[in-house]
Amino acid sequence: MQLLGPAVTREGVPCSVVVPVYGNAESVPDLVESLEGIASRWPGMEAVFVIDGSPDDSADRLRQRLAGSAMTWKIVHHSRNFGAFNAIRTGLGEASGRYIGVMAADLQEPPELMHEFFRTLGSGAADVVVGRRSSRDDGRSSDMGSRLFWAGYRRFVQPEIPAGGVDIFGCTAQVRDVLLAMHECNSSLVAQLYWVGFRRAEVPYDRQTRQVGTSGWTLRKKIRYLEDSVFSFTDLPIRALWGVGTFGFLVSVLLAVVILVARITNAITVPGYAATALILLLAVAINCIGLGIIGSYVWRSYENTKRRPLAVISGREAGGARENGEP
C-alpha cells in the first residue's frame, strides 16, 4: 500500500466505482467482496472509497480487508463529515475510469447493477445510467414519505427523475467533468445529474433491506435534502408565495367592501375581536413563511459567493494492482 499526495491519474482505466463511506464498518466485508466480484468481470476496474469523516473504524476495516487484494483501490479521507453528495463528488474527482459508477456502502442497492451500467455506457447507448426502484422495503412511513416527496418533485420540479428517486447511477467521464465544474454548495447532486442533460437510460431493480448497521439518513437530513433539491432548482416556492399573497389581497379587498357596506348600513354593532385576531395571526404566519422562503434563496446565494471547497481531503491511500506494478 502506498500513501499518495496529490490525486493520481491513470490513463486507460476502463471503469471506476465510487463508494462514499460513513458509519459502514459492519458492511465492509460484504462490500469489498461484492466489488471484487465486479472487478473480476471488468479487468482493470478501480474502487474509490471516500471516508466522509466516519465516526467508526470503517477506514481501518477497509484497509485491513483490502490488504493484498488484486483489485485496484483507493481510499480518500475527508477531514470531517461533509455529507454524502460531497463525498460522491470527491470520489468522482478521484476516479480515473472512462465509465464511473456510484453506489452506497450499505448494499441496499444491488452492486450487480454496475455490470449493466458499464455495459450500457460502453455500448454508447447512453451517457448516464440510473437505477430505477421497482420496489423497496424501508417501512411503511418511510416509504409513504418518499413516495409523496418524489411525486411532488416530479410534478413541480423535475419530471424526468424516476418515481423513487436515484440512489445508484453510472456516467461517462464527460458527464463527470460537467458535474464537477458545478461548484454549487447546498445543492442536490441527483438534480444536477438531470439538469445537465445528456442521453439517459434506466435499469429497474428491487431495493434490498439493510442487513447490518443503522441508516444515518435521519429526518433532519431528509428535510435538508428536500430543501436543497427544491430551492436550488426551482422558483416554485416564490411563485406559490406570490399566488398566496395575490389571493390574500383579493380576499382582503372583498372583505373590506363587505365591511364598508355593513358599516354604512349599520349592520355591524359589535366589534369582531376574534375575527380580527385570527386574520392578524394568519397574516403574520404567511409573512413569516414568505420571509423564510426568500431567506432560503438569499442564504444559498450568499453561501455560493464564498467559493469555499465543497470538501477537504486530508489524505489518500492506494493499493491493489498499483502495488503490483500494473499500468
Protein backbone atom coordinates (compact mmCIF):
# COMPACT_ATOMS: atom_id res chain seq x y z
CA MET A 1 0.00 0.00 0.00
CA GLN A 2 1.25 3.49 -0.77
CA LEU A 3 0.27 6.84 0.70
CA LEU A 4 -0.48 9.37 -2.00
CA GLY A 5 -0.16 13.14 -2.11
CA PRO A 6 -2.00 14.87 -4.97
CA ALA A 7 -4.65 12.94 -6.86
CA VAL A 8 -3.22 10.16 -9.03
CA THR A 9 -4.47 9.97 -12.61
CA ARG A 10 -4.13 6.81 -14.66
CA GLU A 11 -4.81 6.53 -18.35
CA GLY A 12 -6.61 3.57 -19.78
CA VAL A 13 -8.66 2.54 -16.73
CA PRO A 14 -11.94 1.20 -18.14
CA CYS A 15 -14.22 1.86 -15.19
CA SER A 16 -14.34 3.08 -11.61
CA VAL A 17 -16.80 2.51 -8.77
CA VAL A 18 -17.18 5.33 -6.22
CA VAL A 19 -18.42 4.45 -2.73
CA PRO A 20 -18.99 7.09 -0.01
CA VAL A 21 -18.41 5.60 3.44
CA TYR A 22 -19.91 6.86 6.69
CA GLY A 23 -20.71 4.53 9.58
CA ASN A 24 -20.45 1.42 7.41
CA ALA A 25 -17.86 -0.62 9.33
CA GLU A 26 -20.13 -3.66 9.59
CA SER A 27 -20.80 -3.65 5.83
CA VAL A 28 -17.12 -3.59 4.83
CA PRO A 29 -16.57 -7.36 4.31
CA ASP A 30 -19.63 -7.80 2.07
CA LEU A 31 -18.95 -4.51 0.30
CA VAL A 32 -15.39 -5.41 -0.67
CA GLU A 33 -16.40 -8.91 -1.68
CA SER A 34 -19.09 -7.50 -3.97
CA LEU A 35 -16.66 -5.05 -5.56
CA GLU A 36 -14.06 -7.75 -6.09
CA GLY A 37 -16.74 -9.75 -7.88
CA ILE A 38 -17.42 -6.80 -10.17
CA ALA A 39 -13.69 -6.29 -10.76
CA SER A 40 -13.31 -9.93 -11.81
CA ARG A 41 -15.71 -9.27 -14.70
CA TRP A 42 -14.23 -5.85 -15.55
CA PRO A 43 -10.43 -6.22 -15.52
CA GLY A 44 -8.69 -3.03 -14.52
CA MET A 45 -11.67 -1.68 -12.58
CA GLU A 46 -10.77 0.56 -9.66
CA ALA A 47 -12.76 1.10 -6.46
CA VAL A 48 -12.67 4.56 -4.88
CA PHE A 49 -13.75 4.72 -1.24
CA VAL A 50 -14.36 8.15 0.30
CA ILE A 51 -14.26 8.14 4.11
CA ASP A 52 -16.52 11.07 4.89
CA GLY A 53 -15.39 11.72 8.47
CA SER A 54 -16.85 8.38 9.54
CA PRO A 55 -17.09 8.12 13.37
CA ASP A 56 -16.44 4.36 13.39
CA ASP A 57 -13.46 2.28 12.24
CA SER A 58 -14.63 1.95 8.64
CA ALA A 59 -11.27 3.14 7.32
CA ASP A 60 -9.27 0.63 9.37
CA ARG A 61 -11.54 -2.24 8.38
CA LEU A 62 -11.34 -1.26 4.74
CA ARG A 63 -7.56 -1.06 4.93
CA GLN A 64 -7.34 -4.49 6.53
CA ARG A 65 -9.81 -6.10 4.13
CA LEU A 66 -8.14 -4.61 1.05
CA ALA A 67 -4.61 -5.62 2.07
CA GLY A 68 -3.32 -7.96 -0.61
CA SER A 69 -6.39 -7.51 -2.80
CA ALA A 70 -5.72 -7.73 -6.53
CA MET A 71 -8.45 -5.15 -7.12
CA THR A 72 -7.18 -1.64 -7.76
CA TRP A 73 -8.43 0.57 -4.96
CA LYS A 74 -8.08 3.99 -3.42
CA ILE A 75 -9.17 5.32 -0.03
CA VAL A 76 -9.71 9.07 0.20
CA HIS A 77 -10.17 10.69 3.60
CA HIS A 78 -12.24 13.80 4.26
CA SER A 79 -11.05 16.00 7.12
CA ARG A 80 -14.59 15.83 8.56
CA ASN A 81 -18.10 14.87 7.55
CA PHE A 82 -19.16 16.94 4.53
CA GLY A 83 -22.20 14.89 3.51
CA ALA A 84 -22.86 12.04 1.08
CA PHE A 85 -23.18 14.20 -2.04
CA ASN A 86 -19.89 15.97 -1.42
CA ALA A 87 -18.26 12.60 -0.74
CA ILE A 88 -19.55 11.38 -4.09
CA ARG A 89 -18.19 14.50 -5.79
CA THR A 90 -14.79 13.85 -4.23
CA GLY A 91 -14.91 10.26 -5.47
CA LEU A 92 -15.87 11.37 -8.96
CA GLY A 93 -12.88 13.70 -8.98
CA GLU A 94 -10.54 10.91 -7.86
CA ALA A 95 -11.91 8.30 -10.27
CA SER A 96 -9.91 7.78 -13.45
CA GLY A 97 -12.19 5.43 -15.36
CA ARG A 98 -13.82 6.18 -18.68
CA TYR A 99 -17.07 4.99 -17.08
CA ILE A 100 -17.86 5.69 -13.44
CA GLY A 101 -20.44 4.05 -11.21
CA VAL A 102 -21.65 5.38 -7.85
CA MET A 103 -23.17 3.15 -5.17
CA ALA A 104 -23.86 3.20 -1.43
CA ALA A 105 -21.82 1.22 1.06
CA ASP A 106 -24.86 -0.29 2.80
CA LEU A 107 -25.59 -2.56 -0.22
CA GLN A 108 -29.31 -1.79 -0.28
CA GLU A 109 -28.85 -1.18 -3.99
CA PRO A 110 -27.54 -4.38 -5.65
CA PRO A 111 -23.87 -3.90 -6.65
CA GLU A 112 -24.57 -6.14 -9.65
CA LEU A 113 -26.24 -3.12 -11.26
CA MET A 114 -22.73 -1.91 -12.05
CA HIS A 115 -22.41 -4.63 -14.70
CA GLU A 116 -25.45 -3.31 -16.53
CA PHE A 117 -24.34 0.29 -16.07
CA PHE A 118 -20.89 -0.30 -17.56
CA ARG A 119 -22.30 -2.44 -20.34
CA THR A 120 -24.78 0.27 -21.33
CA LEU A 121 -22.22 3.06 -21.10
CA GLY A 122 -19.67 1.04 -23.03
CA SER A 123 -22.12 0.37 -25.84
CA GLY A 124 -22.52 4.11 -26.40
CA ALA A 125 -26.29 3.87 -25.93
CA ALA A 126 -26.31 6.37 -23.04
CA ASP A 127 -24.11 8.82 -21.17
CA VAL A 128 -25.92 8.40 -17.84
CA VAL A 129 -27.49 5.23 -16.44
CA VAL A 130 -29.57 5.30 -13.24
CA GLY A 131 -31.16 2.60 -11.14
CA ARG A 132 -34.95 2.83 -11.02
CA ARG A 133 -36.57 1.25 -7.97
CA SER A 134 -39.24 -1.31 -8.80
CA SER A 135 -39.89 -1.93 -5.11
CA ARG A 136 -38.46 -1.04 -1.72
CA ASP A 137 -38.67 -2.40 1.83
CA ASP A 138 -38.00 0.60 4.07
CA GLY A 139 -41.03 0.55 6.32
CA ARG A 140 -44.48 1.98 5.68
CA SER A 141 -43.92 5.52 6.99
CA SER A 142 -40.57 5.95 5.22
CA ASP A 143 -41.95 4.50 2.01
CA MET A 144 -45.00 6.77 2.08
CA GLY A 145 -42.91 9.86 2.80
CA SER A 146 -40.54 9.03 -0.04
CA ARG A 147 -43.39 8.48 -2.49
CA LEU A 148 -45.06 11.77 -1.56
CA PHE A 149 -41.82 13.72 -1.87
CA TRP A 150 -40.81 12.27 -5.24
CA ALA A 151 -44.36 12.55 -6.60
CA GLY A 152 -44.37 16.26 -5.81
CA TYR A 153 -40.82 16.71 -7.05
CA ARG A 154 -41.60 15.03 -10.38
CA ARG A 155 -44.79 17.07 -10.72
CA PHE A 156 -43.39 20.51 -9.96
CA VAL A 157 -39.59 20.43 -10.33
CA GLN A 158 -38.01 17.66 -12.41
CA PRO A 159 -40.46 15.32 -14.17
CA GLU A 160 -37.72 13.11 -15.66
CA ILE A 161 -36.43 11.78 -12.32
CA PRO A 162 -37.68 8.22 -11.55
CA ALA A 163 -40.62 7.94 -9.17
CA GLY A 164 -38.46 6.57 -6.35
CA GLY A 165 -35.54 8.93 -6.82
CA VAL A 166 -31.95 7.92 -7.63
CA ASP A 167 -29.58 6.19 -5.19
CA ILE A 168 -27.25 4.48 -7.64
CA PHE A 169 -26.03 5.62 -11.05
CA GLY A 170 -23.26 5.49 -13.62
CA CYS A 171 -21.93 8.05 -16.07
CA THR A 172 -19.19 8.70 -18.57
CA ALA A 173 -16.08 10.73 -17.75
CA GLN A 174 -17.52 13.56 -19.86
CA VAL A 175 -20.63 13.81 -17.68
CA ARG A 176 -18.45 13.58 -14.57
CA ASP A 177 -16.38 16.54 -15.75
CA VAL A 178 -19.52 18.64 -16.31
CA LEU A 179 -20.82 17.78 -12.83
CA LEU A 180 -17.53 18.69 -11.18
CA ALA A 181 -17.50 22.02 -12.99
CA MET A 182 -20.62 22.96 -10.99
CA HIS A 183 -19.40 24.33 -7.65
CA GLU A 184 -22.78 24.88 -6.04
CA CYS A 185 -22.97 24.27 -2.31
CA ASN A 186 -26.16 23.16 -0.58
CA SER A 187 -27.42 21.58 -3.78
CA SER A 188 -28.60 18.15 -4.93
CA LEU A 189 -26.22 16.04 -7.00
CA VAL A 190 -29.12 13.93 -8.29
CA ALA A 191 -30.97 17.01 -9.55
CA GLN A 192 -27.74 18.27 -11.11
CA LEU A 193 -27.35 14.93 -12.87
CA TYR A 194 -30.68 15.55 -14.60
CA TRP A 195 -30.16 19.26 -15.11
CA VAL A 196 -27.03 18.72 -17.24
CA GLY A 197 -28.97 16.63 -19.73
CA PHE A 198 -27.15 14.02 -21.89
CA ARG A 199 -28.61 10.70 -23.01
CA ARG A 200 -30.03 8.69 -20.12
CA ALA A 201 -31.07 5.10 -19.55
CA GLU A 202 -32.74 3.38 -16.59
CA VAL A 203 -32.24 -0.06 -15.10
CA PRO A 204 -35.00 -1.39 -12.79
CA TYR A 205 -34.11 -3.09 -9.52
CA ASP A 206 -35.58 -4.10 -6.16
CA ARG A 207 -34.17 -2.21 -3.19
CA GLN A 208 -32.94 -4.58 -0.51
CA THR A 209 -33.46 -4.48 3.25
CA ARG A 210 -30.45 -3.19 5.13
CA GLN A 211 -28.73 -6.22 6.63
CA VAL A 212 -26.26 -4.64 9.07
CA GLY A 213 -25.89 -1.31 10.82
CA THR A 214 -28.37 1.53 11.00
CA SER A 215 -29.07 4.22 8.45
CA GLY A 216 -27.63 7.68 9.03
CA TRP A 217 -30.37 9.13 6.83
CA THR A 218 -32.16 10.96 9.67
CA LEU A 219 -35.31 13.06 9.43
CA ARG A 220 -33.23 16.23 9.73
CA LYS A 221 -31.06 15.17 6.78
CA LYS A 222 -34.14 14.28 4.76
CA ILE A 223 -35.63 17.72 5.36
CA ARG A 224 -32.33 19.35 4.42
CA TYR A 225 -32.20 17.26 1.25
CA LEU A 226 -35.75 18.33 0.38
CA GLU A 227 -34.80 21.99 0.82
CA ASP A 228 -31.63 21.66 -1.27
CA SER A 229 -33.49 19.80 -4.01
CA VAL A 230 -36.24 22.41 -4.23
CA PHE A 231 -34.61 25.78 -3.55
CA SER A 232 -31.61 25.08 -5.81
CA PHE A 233 -33.62 24.07 -8.87
CA THR A 234 -36.94 25.88 -8.97
CA ASP A 235 -38.60 29.19 -8.11
CA LEU A 236 -41.83 27.33 -7.31
CA PRO A 237 -41.91 28.41 -3.62
CA ILE A 238 -41.57 32.06 -4.66
CA ARG A 239 -44.34 31.69 -7.24
CA ALA A 240 -46.51 29.87 -4.69
CA LEU A 241 -45.91 32.68 -2.20
CA TRP A 242 -46.85 35.21 -4.88
CA GLY A 243 -50.04 33.26 -5.53
CA VAL A 244 -50.93 33.13 -1.83
CA GLY A 245 -50.24 36.85 -1.48
CA THR A 246 -52.35 37.69 -4.50
CA PHE A 247 -55.22 35.54 -3.26
CA GLY A 248 -54.96 37.09 0.20
CA PHE A 249 -55.03 40.57 -1.31
CA LEU A 250 -58.17 39.82 -3.33
CA VAL A 251 -59.89 38.33 -0.28
CA SER A 252 -58.88 41.38 1.77
CA VAL A 253 -60.36 43.73 -0.83
CA LEU A 254 -63.59 41.71 -0.88
CA LEU A 255 -63.82 41.72 2.91
CA ALA A 256 -63.08 45.43 3.01
CA VAL A 257 -66.01 46.08 0.66
CA VAL A 258 -68.31 43.86 2.74
CA ILE A 259 -67.26 45.56 5.99
CA LEU A 260 -67.64 49.01 4.47
CA VAL A 261 -71.15 48.25 3.24
CA ALA A 262 -72.07 46.71 6.58
CA ARG A 263 -70.74 49.76 8.44
CA ILE A 264 -72.70 52.17 6.22
CA THR A 265 -75.91 50.18 6.72
CA ASN A 266 -75.28 49.86 10.49
CA ALA A 267 -75.18 46.07 10.17
CA ILE A 268 -72.09 45.94 12.41
CA THR A 269 -72.94 46.60 16.03
CA VAL A 270 -70.32 44.58 17.94
CA PRO A 271 -66.59 44.68 17.06
CA GLY A 272 -65.32 41.30 15.83
CA TYR A 273 -62.35 40.84 18.12
CA ALA A 274 -62.00 37.11 17.41
CA ALA A 275 -62.14 37.52 13.66
CA THR A 276 -59.64 40.39 13.78
CA ALA A 277 -57.22 38.35 15.89
CA LEU A 278 -57.46 35.34 13.57
CA ILE A 279 -56.88 37.47 10.48
CA LEU A 280 -53.85 39.12 12.08
CA LEU A 281 -52.39 35.76 13.10
CA LEU A 282 -52.90 34.39 9.58
CA ALA A 283 -51.28 37.44 8.03
CA VAL A 284 -48.27 37.22 10.37
CA ALA A 285 -47.88 33.48 9.69
CA ILE A 286 -47.95 33.99 5.93
CA ASN A 287 -45.45 36.83 6.27
CA CYS A 288 -43.07 34.65 8.31
CA ILE A 289 -43.33 31.80 5.81
CA GLY A 290 -42.63 34.23 2.98
CA LEU A 291 -39.56 35.64 4.72
CA GLY A 292 -38.32 32.09 5.36
CA ILE A 293 -38.68 31.10 1.70
CA ILE A 294 -37.00 34.25 0.43
CA GLY A 295 -34.30 33.90 3.08
CA SER A 296 -33.55 30.36 1.92
CA TYR A 297 -32.80 31.60 -1.58
CA VAL A 298 -30.75 34.56 -0.32
CA TRP A 299 -28.73 32.35 2.05
CA ARG A 300 -27.90 29.87 -0.72
CA SER A 301 -26.80 32.70 -2.98
CA TYR A 302 -24.62 34.09 -0.21
CA GLU A 303 -23.05 30.69 0.51
CA ASN A 304 -22.12 30.27 -3.14
CA THR A 305 -20.34 33.64 -3.21
CA LYS A 306 -17.81 32.37 -0.63
CA ARG A 307 -16.33 29.89 -3.12
CA ARG A 308 -15.24 27.55 -0.35
CA PRO A 309 -14.30 23.98 -1.36
CA LEU A 310 -17.22 21.57 -1.03
CA ALA A 311 -14.98 19.14 0.86
CA VAL A 312 -11.45 18.99 2.24
CA ILE A 313 -9.26 15.94 1.59
CA SER A 314 -6.91 15.08 4.44
CA GLY A 315 -5.19 12.07 2.89
CA ARG A 316 -5.18 9.34 0.25
CA GLU A 317 -4.19 5.69 0.15
CA ALA A 318 -4.00 3.32 -2.79
CA GLY A 319 -3.26 -0.33 -3.37
CA GLY A 320 -4.11 -3.49 -5.25
CA ALA A 321 -2.99 -3.54 -8.85
CA ARG A 322 -0.97 -0.36 -8.34
CA GLU A 323 1.21 -2.13 -5.78
CA ASN A 324 1.84 -4.93 -8.19
CA GLY A 325 3.19 -2.55 -10.82
CA GLU A 326 0.29 -2.90 -13.22
CA PRO A 327 -0.35 0.07 -15.52
